[in-house]
Amino acid sequence: MPWKKSSLYPIPVSIALLIGLTNPGSYPVRAELPSRPISIAQEIQRDWNEFEPPETGLPGRRIGGGTRGGSTSVCPSEVQDLTALVPELTYGRTVNKYPTFLIYVPPLSEARNMQFSLLKFAEDETYEEVYVQKFQSKWAGGVMRISLPKYGPTIEVGGNYYWDFSISCNPDDSSGDILVSGWIERVPQSDTLAGNLQNAKKSDLPDLYVKEGLWYDAAATLASLRMSEPENLTLASIWQNLLGSVKLGKIAEKRLQSNSASHSSPVANQQE
């Protein structure tokens, strides 16, 4: 499909690792649990696959193993565990103009170049490059959180956007990059959600977003809660259930760290 270029915004994507998603038994148990347990602590019944990406768009890929150019990858086998935290059909919705993306990046034994890209899908089936960020990291392994900056262009209501995240194992040939990808659509905030958000506590947000079918917002807010209370077993259970609802429950068990800023460095953005 044809590509339509636009000016790139060099953005320092905020990168963080989610705290404390190892076996809950390895942490001290807090005596106090939330006085008002979040209802999605129970089995999540939402069918996330009721939302599908555009039929004519690029296919998403939530598990690594594929390559950017379709060629054989030279990356070690463990790198292929790269996983996008998205529903099975790789499509999700948001009401946030600056959404957050969650990606499990396996341990990297050496510093490697990585890239996150966001492209808008147009009605004429072209893609407009909106955001791109390249950085280098020797990664200990964990869930990476990529948030779009508040000063950059927003994603538009009604717009469908394709995104991908890749790891390079050969700096001279990007065709073998391991990648994962997905779709995100920004939808208008419903009157019901707007009313509920007015008096909602932060702990209420994941449940409200799940009920509205807003995957990216539910996952991001729950991840934020997990980071703020890493020893809270109720939140750990909710996180497990949310990822389990899209058959990614094993990701919730991965050992994660609190900060990746010291492990990554920006690489010059380039317009192809």
Protein backbone atom coordinates (compact mmCIF):
# COMPACT_ATOMS: atom_id res chain seq x y z
CA MET A 1 0.00 0.00 0.00
CA PRO A 2 1.22 3.52 -0.76
CA TRP A 3 2.68 5.64 2.00
CA LYS A 4 2.06 9.34 2.49
CA LYS A 5 4.81 11.15 4.37
CA SER A 6 4.39 14.01 6.79
CA SER A 7 6.77 15.95 8.98
CA LEU A 8 7.97 13.84 11.87
CA TYR A 9 7.92 15.05 15.42
CA PRO A 10 11.01 13.89 17.29
CA ILE A 11 9.42 12.84 20.52
CA PRO A 12 11.05 11.52 23.67
CA VAL A 13 8.60 8.67 24.18
CA SER A 14 8.11 8.05 27.88
CA ILE A 15 9.30 4.55 28.66
CA ALA A 16 8.73 2.79 31.94
CA LEU A 17 8.58 -0.77 33.23
CA LEU A 18 5.58 -1.89 35.18
CA ILE A 19 6.41 -2.72 38.78
CA GLY A 20 5.96 -6.00 40.60
CA LEU A 21 4.30 -8.46 38.26
CA THR A 22 6.25 -11.49 39.42
CA ASN A 23 4.78 -14.23 41.53
CA PRO A 24 2.78 -12.36 44.21
CA GLY A 25 4.28 -14.63 46.82
CA SER A 26 7.64 -12.92 46.38
CA TYR A 27 6.27 -9.68 47.83
CA PRO A 28 5.13 -8.81 51.34
CA VAL A 29 1.34 -8.96 51.51
CA ARG A 30 -0.33 -5.70 52.41
CA ALA A 31 -2.71 -5.91 55.35
CA GLU A 32 -5.12 -3.47 53.78
CA LEU A 33 -6.83 -4.15 50.48
CA PRO A 34 -9.01 -1.58 48.73
CA SER A 35 -12.20 -0.95 50.70
CA ARG A 36 -14.11 -0.96 47.41
CA PRO A 37 -12.73 -3.82 45.28
CA ILE A 38 -12.76 -3.14 41.56
CA SER A 39 -15.46 -5.28 39.97
CA ILE A 40 -13.19 -6.57 37.21
CA ALA A 41 -11.36 -8.52 39.90
CA GLN A 42 -13.90 -11.16 38.92
CA GLU A 43 -13.83 -12.94 35.57
CA ILE A 44 -13.84 -10.38 32.76
CA GLN A 45 -16.66 -11.14 30.35
CA ARG A 46 -15.88 -8.53 27.72
CA ASP A 47 -15.44 -9.93 24.20
CA TRP A 48 -12.60 -7.76 22.96
CA ASN A 49 -12.78 -9.39 19.53
CA GLU A 50 -16.07 -7.66 18.74
CA PHE A 51 -13.90 -4.79 17.50
CA GLU A 52 -11.97 -5.47 14.31
CA PRO A 53 -9.30 -3.53 12.36
CA PRO A 54 -10.03 -2.13 8.89
CA GLU A 55 -10.36 -4.97 6.36
CA THR A 56 -8.00 -3.30 3.91
CA GLY A 57 -5.35 -2.31 6.44
CA LEU A 58 -2.07 -3.96 7.28
CA PRO A 59 -2.49 -7.09 9.42
CA GLY A 60 -1.56 -6.69 13.06
CA ARG A 61 0.79 -9.07 14.85
CA ARG A 62 0.80 -9.32 18.61
CA ILE A 63 3.43 -12.07 18.98
CA GLY A 64 6.96 -11.64 17.62
CA GLY A 65 8.38 -13.99 15.02
CA GLY A 66 7.48 -12.02 11.93
CA THR A 67 9.89 -9.58 10.33
CA ARG A 68 9.52 -6.14 8.81
CA GLY A 69 10.52 -7.31 5.33
CA GLY A 70 9.29 -10.89 5.46
CA SER A 71 12.84 -12.24 5.39
CA THR A 72 14.42 -14.68 7.83
CA SER A 73 15.31 -13.00 11.11
CA VAL A 74 18.83 -13.13 12.49
CA CYS A 75 17.55 -12.35 15.99
CA PRO A 76 18.08 -14.95 18.70
CA SER A 77 15.03 -17.09 19.46
CA GLU A 78 14.30 -15.42 22.82
CA VAL A 79 13.78 -12.05 21.10
CA GLN A 80 10.84 -13.58 19.27
CA ASP A 81 8.89 -13.61 22.54
CA LEU A 82 8.23 -9.91 21.88
CA THR A 83 4.50 -9.40 22.56
CA ALA A 84 2.05 -6.54 22.03
CA LEU A 85 -0.47 -6.34 24.87
CA VAL A 86 -3.54 -6.10 22.65
CA PRO A 87 -6.62 -8.28 22.02
CA GLU A 88 -6.33 -11.30 19.73
CA LEU A 89 -7.47 -9.38 16.65
CA THR A 90 -4.82 -6.74 17.49
CA TYR A 91 -7.42 -3.96 17.55
CA GLY A 92 -8.45 -1.76 20.46
CA ARG A 93 -10.15 1.53 21.22
CA THR A 94 -9.34 4.61 23.28
CA VAL A 95 -10.90 7.94 24.21
CA ASN A 96 -7.48 9.37 25.01
CA LYS A 97 -5.86 11.72 22.53
CA TYR A 98 -2.46 10.72 23.95
CA PRO A 99 -2.81 6.95 24.41
CA THR A 100 -0.38 4.55 26.03
CA PHE A 101 0.87 1.33 24.44
CA LEU A 102 2.07 -1.71 26.41
CA ILE A 103 4.61 -4.16 24.99
CA TYR A 104 6.40 -7.08 26.58
CA VAL A 105 10.06 -6.97 25.55
CA PRO A 106 12.10 -10.08 26.44
CA PRO A 107 15.58 -9.82 27.97
CA LEU A 108 18.23 -8.54 25.56
CA SER A 109 21.79 -9.69 26.23
CA GLU A 110 23.21 -6.72 24.33
CA ALA A 111 22.09 -3.20 23.47
CA ARG A 112 19.82 -3.22 20.42
CA ASN A 113 18.08 -0.57 18.38
CA MET A 114 14.31 -0.41 18.82
CA GLN A 115 11.66 1.64 17.09
CA PHE A 116 8.07 2.61 17.81
CA SER A 117 6.00 4.02 14.93
CA LEU A 118 2.43 5.31 14.72
CA LEU A 119 0.71 5.80 11.36
CA LYS A 120 -2.73 7.11 10.47
CA PHE A 121 -4.77 5.00 8.07
CA ALA A 122 -6.54 7.17 5.49
CA GLU A 123 -9.71 6.48 3.49
CA ASP A 124 -7.64 6.16 0.31
CA GLU A 125 -5.75 3.30 2.02
CA THR A 126 -2.54 5.25 2.43
CA TYR A 127 -0.61 5.66 5.66
CA GLU A 128 0.54 8.95 7.11
CA GLU A 129 3.47 8.71 9.50
CA VAL A 130 2.50 10.56 12.69
CA TYR A 131 5.01 9.55 15.37
CA VAL A 132 8.30 7.74 15.30
CA GLN A 133 10.81 7.13 18.05
CA LYS A 134 14.08 5.24 17.89
CA PHE A 135 16.16 4.33 20.90
CA GLN A 136 18.77 1.85 22.00
CA SER A 137 18.63 -0.35 25.07
CA LYS A 138 20.15 -3.36 26.78
CA TRP A 139 16.91 -4.62 28.23
CA ALA A 140 16.48 -6.71 31.38
CA GLY A 141 13.09 -7.96 30.23
CA GLY A 142 9.62 -6.70 31.11
CA VAL A 143 6.55 -4.77 30.00
CA MET A 144 7.44 -1.50 28.33
CA ARG A 145 4.99 1.41 28.51
CA ILE A 146 5.12 3.88 25.63
CA SER A 147 3.09 7.07 26.10
CA LEU A 148 2.68 9.73 23.45
CA PRO A 149 3.82 13.21 24.59
CA LYS A 150 1.34 15.88 25.61
CA TYR A 151 2.82 18.52 23.31
CA GLY A 152 2.67 16.48 20.08
CA PRO A 153 -0.19 16.08 17.60
CA THR A 154 -3.20 14.25 19.01
CA ILE A 155 -4.81 11.20 17.49
CA GLU A 156 -8.16 12.22 16.06
CA VAL A 157 -11.62 11.05 17.03
CA GLY A 158 -12.82 8.56 14.43
CA GLY A 159 -9.29 7.92 13.20
CA ASN A 160 -7.79 4.46 12.79
CA TYR A 161 -4.08 4.21 13.50
CA TYR A 162 -1.62 1.41 12.86
CA TRP A 163 1.39 1.10 15.14
CA ASP A 164 4.38 -1.18 15.33
CA PHE A 165 7.34 -1.81 17.61
CA SER A 166 10.47 -3.47 16.30
CA ILE A 167 13.82 -4.74 17.53
CA SER A 168 16.80 -4.67 15.21
CA CYS A 169 19.36 -7.46 15.29
CA ASN A 170 21.21 -6.31 12.17
CA PRO A 171 21.74 -2.52 11.98
CA ASP A 172 22.63 -2.82 8.29
CA ASP A 173 19.42 -4.58 7.24
CA SER A 174 16.03 -3.66 8.74
CA SER A 175 14.17 -6.30 6.71
CA GLY A 176 14.95 -8.88 9.39
CA ASP A 177 13.74 -6.76 12.33
CA ILE A 178 11.46 -8.64 14.73
CA LEU A 179 8.22 -6.70 15.18
CA VAL A 180 4.79 -6.65 16.74
CA SER A 181 1.97 -4.36 15.67
CA GLY A 182 -1.61 -3.41 16.32
CA TRP A 183 -4.44 -1.01 15.60
CA ILE A 184 -5.96 1.73 17.72
CA GLU A 185 -9.08 3.80 17.10
CA ARG A 186 -10.01 6.90 19.04
CA VAL A 187 -13.74 7.02 19.69
CA PRO A 188 -15.83 9.82 21.22
CA GLN A 189 -16.49 9.62 24.93
CA SER A 190 -20.03 8.40 25.58
CA ASP A 191 -22.35 10.46 27.77
CA THR A 192 -22.46 7.58 30.24
CA LEU A 193 -18.69 7.43 30.54
CA ALA A 194 -18.38 11.21 30.79
CA GLY A 195 -20.85 11.23 33.66
CA ASN A 196 -19.16 8.36 35.47
CA LEU A 197 -15.72 9.92 35.13
CA GLN A 198 -16.76 13.14 36.86
CA ASN A 199 -16.69 11.62 40.34
CA ALA A 200 -14.62 8.52 39.68
CA LYS A 201 -11.59 7.59 41.74
CA LYS A 202 -8.48 6.37 39.98
CA SER A 203 -9.26 2.85 41.16
CA ASP A 204 -12.65 3.03 39.39
CA LEU A 205 -11.18 3.79 35.97
CA PRO A 206 -10.22 0.31 34.72
CA ASP A 207 -13.73 -1.02 35.37
CA LEU A 208 -15.36 1.95 33.64
CA TYR A 209 -13.11 1.54 30.60
CA VAL A 210 -13.67 -2.23 30.41
CA LYS A 211 -17.45 -1.69 30.39
CA GLU A 212 -17.03 0.75 27.48
CA GLY A 213 -14.78 -1.65 25.55
CA LEU A 214 -11.79 0.69 25.73
CA TRP A 215 -8.86 -1.72 25.78
CA TYR A 216 -5.97 0.74 25.67
CA ASP A 217 -7.41 2.89 28.45
CA ALA A 218 -8.30 -0.05 30.68
CA ALA A 219 -4.85 -1.60 30.30
CA ALA A 220 -2.97 1.68 30.78
CA THR A 221 -4.87 2.79 33.89
CA LEU A 222 -4.62 -0.65 35.48
CA ALA A 223 -0.89 -0.72 34.73
CA SER A 224 -0.56 2.66 36.43
CA LEU A 225 -2.37 1.35 39.51
CA ARG A 226 -0.10 -1.69 39.58
CA MET A 227 2.94 0.57 39.48
CA SER A 228 1.68 2.68 42.37
CA GLU A 229 0.80 -0.35 44.52
CA PRO A 230 3.09 -3.24 43.51
CA GLU A 231 2.33 -5.26 46.65
CA ASN A 232 -1.45 -5.08 46.29
CA LEU A 233 -2.66 -8.62 45.58
CA THR A 234 -6.12 -7.46 44.54
CA LEU A 235 -4.62 -5.33 41.78
CA ALA A 236 -2.34 -8.22 40.82
CA SER A 237 -5.39 -10.45 40.41
CA ILE A 238 -7.21 -7.84 38.33
CA TRP A 239 -4.16 -7.40 36.10
CA GLN A 240 -3.98 -11.18 35.65
CA ASN A 241 -7.66 -11.32 34.74
CA LEU A 242 -7.45 -8.46 32.26
CA LEU A 243 -4.53 -10.01 30.38
CA GLY A 244 -6.14 -13.43 30.69
CA SER A 245 -9.24 -12.08 28.94
CA VAL A 246 -7.12 -11.68 25.79
CA LYS A 247 -5.15 -14.91 26.38
CA LEU A 248 -2.00 -13.14 27.56
CA GLY A 249 -2.20 -14.21 31.20
CA LYS A 250 1.40 -15.44 31.24
CA ILE A 251 2.65 -11.88 30.65
CA ALA A 252 1.29 -10.88 34.07
CA GLU A 253 3.76 -13.29 35.66
CA LYS A 254 6.84 -11.75 34.08
CA ARG A 255 9.39 -10.09 36.33
CA LEU A 256 9.31 -6.35 35.79
CA GLN A 257 11.38 -3.43 36.98
CA SER A 258 10.45 0.09 38.01
CA ASN A 259 12.42 2.22 35.57
CA SER A 260 14.07 1.82 32.19
CA ALA A 261 15.24 5.40 31.66
CA SER A 262 18.80 4.54 32.62
CA HIS A 263 18.84 1.60 30.25
CA SER A 264 17.83 3.34 27.04
CA SER A 265 19.19 6.18 25.00
CA PRO A 266 17.63 8.02 22.07
CA VAL A 267 18.79 7.31 18.55
CA ALA A 268 18.45 10.07 15.96
CA ASN A 269 15.00 10.11 14.34
CA GLN A 270 15.08 9.86 10.60
CA GLN A 271 12.48 10.48 7.94
CA GLU A 272 12.68 7.68 5.44
